Amino acid sequence: MGIEQRLPDEEDVLLKPGAPFLSDLSLRSIAAMLLLAVMWGLSIPVTKLGLVSLPPLTLTALRFAIAVPLLIVLAWGKLALPGYALVHSAALGALGIGIGQVAQTFGVQGTSASVGTILSATIPLFIVIFASLRLKQGITMRQGLGLAAAFAGMVLVASGQGEAADPLARTSWVGVLWMMISSLTIAFYYVWSVELTQSHGVESVVAWSTLFGFLMLLPWAGWEMAQQPVNLTGEALVAAAYLGIVVTAAGLFLWLYILRHVPAGIAASVQYLQPVVGIMAASVMFGDSLGLIFAIGVALILAGLALAVSNQRKADRE
């Protein structure tokens, strides 16, 4: 949403703040936010781990084969949707999983885990752009500066690691392009889902859209498995289980808990911690070398994200 399959409500999509401040948060809420940052932050490195033995479409299909039953259980009692909502959910599934999640997996395959992690953290930047277009609002100067800084950071991140000896640590421009397609698609998916989740609830829309997306993915995954050998190792199963259970299902449940107890504007701060967790995990798991150019790129992306988001929050307060 890794992006992971993260479905925010309208306040989160538009990054609207609530009235309480950090001092009003309980230790349980803070702990939940930190836990979610770790859960979602590990998404890209774990995907990279799963790709060692499974091809991209197969890994993605296995992830959602595990996640779909859990999401249906989570939404049990709320699954009844009118016909138009089912059609809309199917389109969301095709967009979010058929394009967004598949592109992300191909992107992770073509980038180092640390580069993939920081590029996936740009999703909120594209949410700001799409939300502004949706509301027919112009991009302000502060947002423009933030977006420019972030995009400059993306270029540095993509080119700042050079040609690593270990194939798992290499980054190609094709991989970067896949990650950008994923971020754009997932951001559009979030903004496009606002009205539907408002009317019918996040749990039901996520369950149906994920089911439809998974069903659309199955034939392609079957074709991929017919074209190349699949080595279903214990490592690959653990990776798929983590992505399906922890990132997609438990992550959604925890995110909804946080939104019930924390203002959406504060809850969205989780997005700043995710790349930190992911980059640290990538360094430990794959030995990614974090050079100066890469570090400058990361700083530019996070600074740009802060500028773009803080400006939106200020505008919403007025």
Protein backbone atom coordinates (compact mmCIF):
# COMPACT_ATOMS: atom_id res chain seq x y z
CA MET A 1 0.00 0.00 0.00
CA GLY A 2 3.29 -0.96 0.33
CA ILE A 3 3.23 -0.07 -0.14
CA GLU A 4 1.62 -2.93 1.35
CA GLN A 5 -2.19 -3.14 1.00
CA ARG A 6 -2.94 -0.08 3.10
CA LEU A 7 -6.50 1.26 2.80
CA PRO A 8 -7.01 4.63 4.49
CA ASP A 9 -10.30 6.36 5.03
CA GLU A 10 -11.06 9.76 3.51
CA GLU A 11 -9.42 11.71 6.33
CA ASP A 12 -6.24 9.76 5.84
CA VAL A 13 -6.27 10.10 2.05
CA LEU A 14 -6.62 13.85 2.29
CA LEU A 15 -4.34 13.94 5.33
CA LYS A 16 -6.75 15.83 7.53
CA PRO A 17 -5.74 16.30 11.17
CA GLY A 18 -7.90 15.70 14.19
CA ALA A 19 -8.19 17.87 17.26
CA PRO A 20 -6.02 15.95 19.78
CA PHE A 21 -2.25 16.34 19.90
CA LEU A 22 0.51 13.82 20.55
CA SER A 23 0.31 14.49 24.29
CA ASP A 24 -3.25 13.13 24.26
CA LEU A 25 -2.20 9.77 22.84
CA SER A 26 -2.16 6.70 25.03
CA LEU A 27 0.89 4.49 25.30
CA ARG A 28 -1.17 1.74 23.66
CA SER A 29 -1.86 3.93 20.61
CA ILE A 30 1.80 4.95 20.31
CA ALA A 31 2.86 1.30 20.63
CA ALA A 32 0.35 0.34 17.94
CA MET A 33 1.74 2.99 15.58
CA LEU A 34 5.32 1.84 16.18
CA LEU A 35 4.34 -1.80 15.67
CA LEU A 36 2.59 -0.96 12.40
CA ALA A 37 5.63 0.96 11.18
CA VAL A 38 7.75 -2.16 11.78
CA MET A 39 5.17 -4.50 10.20
CA TRP A 40 4.78 -2.41 7.05
CA GLY A 41 8.42 -1.28 7.00
CA LEU A 42 9.59 -4.89 6.61
CA SER A 43 7.29 -5.45 3.62
CA ILE A 44 9.78 -4.68 0.83
CA PRO A 45 12.76 -6.57 2.35
CA VAL A 46 10.53 -9.61 2.99
CA THR A 47 9.23 -9.42 -0.60
CA LYS A 48 12.84 -9.38 -1.76
CA LEU A 49 13.46 -12.48 0.34
CA GLY A 50 10.50 -14.29 -1.22
CA LEU A 51 11.70 -13.42 -4.73
CA VAL A 52 14.91 -15.39 -4.16
CA SER A 53 13.03 -18.61 -4.91
CA LEU A 54 9.64 -17.55 -6.34
CA PRO A 55 8.90 -15.51 -9.49
CA PRO A 56 6.98 -12.22 -9.04
CA LEU A 57 3.45 -13.19 -10.12
CA THR A 58 3.58 -16.45 -8.19
CA LEU A 59 4.72 -14.75 -5.00
CA THR A 60 2.04 -12.07 -5.31
CA ALA A 61 -0.68 -14.68 -5.92
CA LEU A 62 0.48 -16.78 -2.96
CA ARG A 63 0.46 -13.69 -0.74
CA PHE A 64 -3.14 -12.88 -1.57
CA ALA A 65 -4.24 -16.53 -1.47
CA ILE A 66 -3.28 -16.31 2.21
CA ALA A 67 -4.69 -12.82 2.77
CA VAL A 68 -8.11 -13.16 1.12
CA PRO A 69 -9.69 -15.64 3.60
CA LEU A 70 -8.42 -13.55 6.52
CA LEU A 71 -9.85 -10.34 5.05
CA ILE A 72 -13.21 -12.05 4.48
CA VAL A 73 -13.26 -13.12 8.13
CA LEU A 74 -12.35 -9.56 9.16
CA ALA A 75 -15.26 -8.19 7.11
CA TRP A 76 -17.72 -10.95 8.05
CA GLY A 77 -21.20 -9.54 8.54
CA LYS A 78 -20.37 -6.51 6.35
CA LEU A 79 -19.88 -8.28 3.03
CA ALA A 80 -23.26 -7.45 1.46
CA LEU A 81 -22.72 -4.80 -1.22
CA PRO A 82 -25.01 -3.49 -3.99
CA GLY A 83 -24.15 -4.37 -7.58
CA TYR A 84 -22.52 -1.04 -8.47
CA ALA A 85 -20.27 -1.31 -5.39
CA LEU A 86 -19.18 -4.81 -6.40
CA VAL A 87 -18.29 -3.56 -9.89
CA HIS A 88 -16.38 -0.65 -8.37
CA SER A 89 -14.61 -3.03 -6.00
CA ALA A 90 -13.64 -5.29 -8.90
CA ALA A 91 -12.14 -2.31 -10.72
CA LEU A 92 -10.27 -1.34 -7.55
CA GLY A 93 -8.93 -4.88 -7.26
CA ALA A 94 -7.70 -4.84 -10.86
CA LEU A 95 -6.01 -1.50 -10.23
CA GLY A 96 -4.61 -2.08 -6.76
CA ILE A 97 -3.50 -5.70 -7.09
CA GLY A 98 -3.47 -6.40 -10.82
CA ILE A 99 -1.32 -3.35 -11.50
CA GLY A 100 -0.16 -1.79 -8.23
CA GLN A 101 0.95 -4.82 -6.23
CA VAL A 102 2.23 -6.73 -9.26
CA ALA A 103 4.26 -3.73 -10.40
CA GLN A 104 5.65 -3.39 -6.88
CA THR A 105 6.81 -7.02 -6.86
CA PHE A 106 8.50 -6.62 -10.25
CA GLY A 107 10.02 -3.37 -8.94
CA VAL A 108 11.39 -5.06 -5.84
CA GLN A 109 12.88 -7.73 -8.08
CA GLY A 110 14.72 -5.04 -10.07
CA THR A 111 15.94 -2.88 -7.18
CA SER A 112 17.84 -3.35 -3.97
CA ALA A 113 15.63 -3.74 -0.90
CA SER A 114 16.67 -0.32 0.42
CA VAL A 115 15.93 1.46 -2.88
CA GLY A 116 12.61 -0.34 -3.20
CA THR A 117 11.70 0.64 0.34
CA ILE A 118 12.33 4.35 -0.07
CA LEU A 119 10.67 4.50 -3.50
CA SER A 120 7.56 2.84 -2.08
CA ALA A 121 7.49 5.57 0.59
CA THR A 122 6.64 8.10 -2.13
CA ILE A 123 3.05 6.89 -2.33
CA PRO A 124 1.77 9.70 0.01
CA LEU A 125 3.31 12.29 -2.34
CA PHE A 126 1.23 11.02 -5.23
CA ILE A 127 -1.80 10.89 -2.93
CA VAL A 128 -1.36 14.63 -2.33
CA ILE A 129 -1.31 15.24 -6.09
CA PHE A 130 -4.30 13.03 -6.89
CA ALA A 131 -6.31 14.33 -3.91
CA SER A 132 -5.66 17.92 -5.08
CA LEU A 133 -6.84 17.03 -8.58
CA ARG A 134 -9.87 15.24 -7.21
CA LEU A 135 -10.88 18.29 -5.17
CA LYS A 136 -9.93 20.63 -8.05
CA GLN A 137 -7.39 22.37 -5.82
CA GLY A 138 -4.10 23.75 -7.09
CA ILE A 139 -0.72 22.60 -5.79
CA THR A 140 0.60 25.30 -3.44
CA MET A 141 4.16 26.62 -3.47
CA ARG A 142 5.10 24.60 -0.38
CA GLN A 143 3.66 21.45 -1.88
CA GLY A 144 5.45 22.16 -5.15
CA LEU A 145 8.77 22.56 -3.35
CA GLY A 146 8.14 19.37 -1.42
CA LEU A 147 7.29 17.43 -4.56
CA ALA A 148 10.32 18.80 -6.41
CA ALA A 149 12.62 17.86 -3.52
CA ALA A 150 11.12 14.39 -3.33
CA PHE A 151 11.45 13.73 -7.06
CA ALA A 152 15.06 14.93 -6.99
CA GLY A 153 15.58 12.53 -4.10
CA MET A 154 14.10 9.67 -6.15
CA VAL A 155 16.68 10.25 -8.88
CA LEU A 156 19.52 10.22 -6.34
CA VAL A 157 18.17 7.13 -4.59
CA ALA A 158 17.82 5.28 -7.87
CA SER A 159 21.38 6.09 -8.96
CA GLY A 160 23.17 6.29 -5.62
CA GLN A 161 24.18 2.67 -5.10
CA GLY A 162 25.99 1.82 -8.30
CA GLU A 163 26.41 -1.72 -9.61
CA ALA A 164 26.55 -4.03 -6.61
CA ALA A 165 28.35 -7.37 -6.80
CA ASP A 166 25.45 -9.23 -5.19
CA PRO A 167 22.49 -9.50 -7.63
CA LEU A 168 20.07 -9.00 -4.72
CA ALA A 169 21.58 -5.57 -4.05
CA ARG A 170 21.51 -4.34 -7.65
CA THR A 171 19.19 -1.60 -8.86
CA SER A 172 18.15 -1.18 -12.50
CA TRP A 173 16.24 1.68 -14.04
CA VAL A 174 13.60 -0.84 -15.16
CA GLY A 175 13.11 -1.80 -11.52
CA VAL A 176 12.83 1.87 -10.57
CA LEU A 177 10.23 2.37 -13.32
CA TRP A 178 8.18 -0.56 -11.99
CA MET A 179 8.30 0.95 -8.48
CA MET A 180 7.11 4.32 -9.80
CA ILE A 181 4.24 2.67 -11.69
CA SER A 182 3.32 0.89 -8.47
CA SER A 183 3.42 4.06 -6.35
CA LEU A 184 1.34 6.01 -8.86
CA THR A 185 -1.22 3.22 -9.18
CA ILE A 186 -1.57 2.55 -5.46
CA ALA A 187 -1.90 6.28 -4.72
CA PHE A 188 -4.65 6.60 -7.34
CA TYR A 189 -6.28 3.50 -5.87
CA TYR A 190 -6.42 5.10 -2.41
CA VAL A 191 -7.97 8.33 -3.66
CA TRP A 192 -10.40 6.57 -5.99
CA SER A 193 -11.63 4.33 -3.16
CA VAL A 194 -12.65 7.20 -0.86
CA GLU A 195 -16.37 7.41 -1.67
CA LEU A 196 -16.82 3.64 -1.73
CA THR A 197 -15.12 3.07 1.63
CA GLN A 198 -17.12 5.94 3.14
CA SER A 199 -20.40 4.42 2.00
CA HIS A 200 -19.73 0.73 2.63
CA GLY A 201 -16.83 0.55 5.09
CA VAL A 202 -13.14 -0.11 4.61
CA GLU A 203 -13.26 -3.79 5.64
CA SER A 204 -15.89 -4.84 3.08
CA VAL A 205 -14.37 -2.87 0.20
CA VAL A 206 -10.89 -4.23 0.95
CA ALA A 207 -12.18 -7.80 1.19
CA TRP A 208 -14.05 -7.65 -2.12
CA SER A 209 -11.42 -5.70 -4.05
CA THR A 210 -8.68 -8.03 -2.83
CA LEU A 211 -10.72 -11.10 -3.77
CA PHE A 212 -11.43 -9.74 -7.27
CA GLY A 213 -7.81 -8.68 -7.73
CA PHE A 214 -6.58 -12.10 -6.64
CA LEU A 215 -8.95 -13.91 -9.04
CA MET A 216 -7.76 -11.71 -11.91
CA LEU A 217 -4.15 -12.46 -11.03
CA LEU A 218 -4.54 -16.26 -10.91
CA PRO A 219 -4.43 -16.95 -14.68
CA TRP A 220 -1.25 -14.87 -15.06
CA ALA A 221 0.38 -16.60 -12.10
CA GLY A 222 -0.59 -19.97 -13.61
CA TRP A 223 0.98 -18.95 -16.93
CA GLU A 224 4.17 -17.87 -15.14
CA MET A 225 4.42 -21.16 -13.27
CA ALA A 226 4.03 -23.02 -16.57
CA GLN A 227 6.87 -21.02 -18.10
CA GLN A 228 9.49 -21.44 -15.39
CA PRO A 229 10.22 -23.78 -12.49
CA VAL A 230 8.85 -22.79 -9.08
CA ASN A 231 10.94 -23.61 -6.04
CA LEU A 232 8.54 -23.40 -3.10
CA THR A 233 11.03 -23.23 -0.25
CA GLY A 234 10.32 -22.70 3.42
CA GLU A 235 11.83 -19.23 3.08
CA ALA A 236 9.37 -18.37 0.28
CA LEU A 237 6.40 -19.67 2.30
CA VAL A 238 7.44 -17.61 5.32
CA ALA A 239 7.76 -14.52 3.12
CA ALA A 240 4.33 -15.06 1.51
CA ALA A 241 2.75 -15.75 4.91
CA TYR A 242 4.27 -12.58 6.37
CA LEU A 243 3.02 -10.49 3.45
CA GLY A 244 -0.44 -12.03 3.52
CA ILE A 245 -1.03 -12.32 7.26
CA VAL A 246 1.04 -9.55 8.84
CA VAL A 247 1.25 -6.85 6.15
CA THR A 248 -2.15 -7.21 4.47
CA ALA A 249 -4.62 -8.65 7.02
CA ALA A 250 -3.17 -7.82 10.45
CA GLY A 251 -1.84 -4.51 9.10
CA LEU A 252 -5.32 -3.48 8.02
CA PHE A 253 -6.82 -4.52 11.37
CA LEU A 254 -4.17 -2.58 13.29
CA TRP A 255 -4.54 0.44 11.01
CA LEU A 256 -8.31 0.56 11.63
CA TYR A 257 -7.66 0.29 15.39
CA ILE A 258 -5.24 3.24 15.18
CA LEU A 259 -7.71 5.35 13.20
CA ARG A 260 -10.35 4.77 15.89
CA HIS A 261 -8.02 6.07 18.60
CA VAL A 262 -5.68 8.51 16.86
CA PRO A 263 -6.44 11.52 14.59
CA ALA A 264 -5.78 10.57 10.97
CA GLY A 265 -3.23 13.35 10.53
CA ILE A 266 -1.13 11.96 13.39
CA ALA A 267 -1.70 8.34 12.39
CA ALA A 268 -0.30 9.16 8.95
CA SER A 269 3.07 9.90 10.59
CA VAL A 270 3.65 6.13 10.45
CA GLN A 271 4.72 6.77 6.85
CA TYR A 272 7.89 8.50 8.09
CA LEU A 273 9.01 5.50 10.14
CA GLN A 274 8.37 2.79 7.56
CA PRO A 275 11.30 3.61 5.25
CA VAL A 276 13.66 3.85 8.23
CA VAL A 277 12.67 0.34 9.34
CA GLY A 278 12.86 -0.98 5.79
CA ILE A 279 16.29 0.48 5.05
CA MET A 280 17.73 -0.84 8.30
CA ALA A 281 16.27 -4.29 7.58
CA ALA A 282 17.65 -4.22 4.02
CA SER A 283 21.09 -3.39 5.33
CA VAL A 284 21.00 -6.30 7.78
CA MET A 285 19.31 -8.88 5.52
CA PHE A 286 21.05 -8.16 2.21
CA GLY A 287 24.07 -6.05 3.11
CA ASP A 288 22.83 -3.05 1.12
CA SER A 289 25.51 -0.36 1.12
CA LEU A 290 24.01 3.00 2.02
CA GLY A 291 26.31 5.57 0.39
CA LEU A 292 26.28 9.35 0.67
CA ILE A 293 24.28 9.94 -2.53
CA PHE A 294 21.65 7.45 -1.40
CA ALA A 295 21.47 9.10 2.05
CA ILE A 296 21.01 12.56 0.48
CA GLY A 297 18.25 11.16 -1.73
CA VAL A 298 16.47 9.64 1.27
CA ALA A 299 16.71 12.96 3.14
CA LEU A 300 15.26 14.84 0.16
CA ILE A 301 12.35 12.40 -0.19
CA LEU A 302 11.45 12.56 3.50
CA ALA A 303 11.83 16.35 3.60
CA GLY A 304 9.68 16.67 0.50
CA LEU A 305 7.07 14.38 2.02
CA ALA A 306 7.02 16.48 5.20
CA LEU A 307 6.58 19.71 3.21
CA ALA A 308 3.80 18.35 1.00
CA VAL A 309 1.87 16.74 3.85
CA SER A 310 2.31 19.52 6.43
CA ASN A 311 1.04 22.08 3.94
CA GLN A 312 -2.09 20.00 3.35
CA ARG A 313 -2.68 19.74 7.09
CA LYS A 314 -2.29 23.50 7.52
CA ALA A 315 -4.75 24.15 4.72
CA ASP A 316 -7.29 21.80 6.29
CA ARG A 317 -7.08 23.59 9.64
CA GLU A 318 -8.01 26.94 8.10
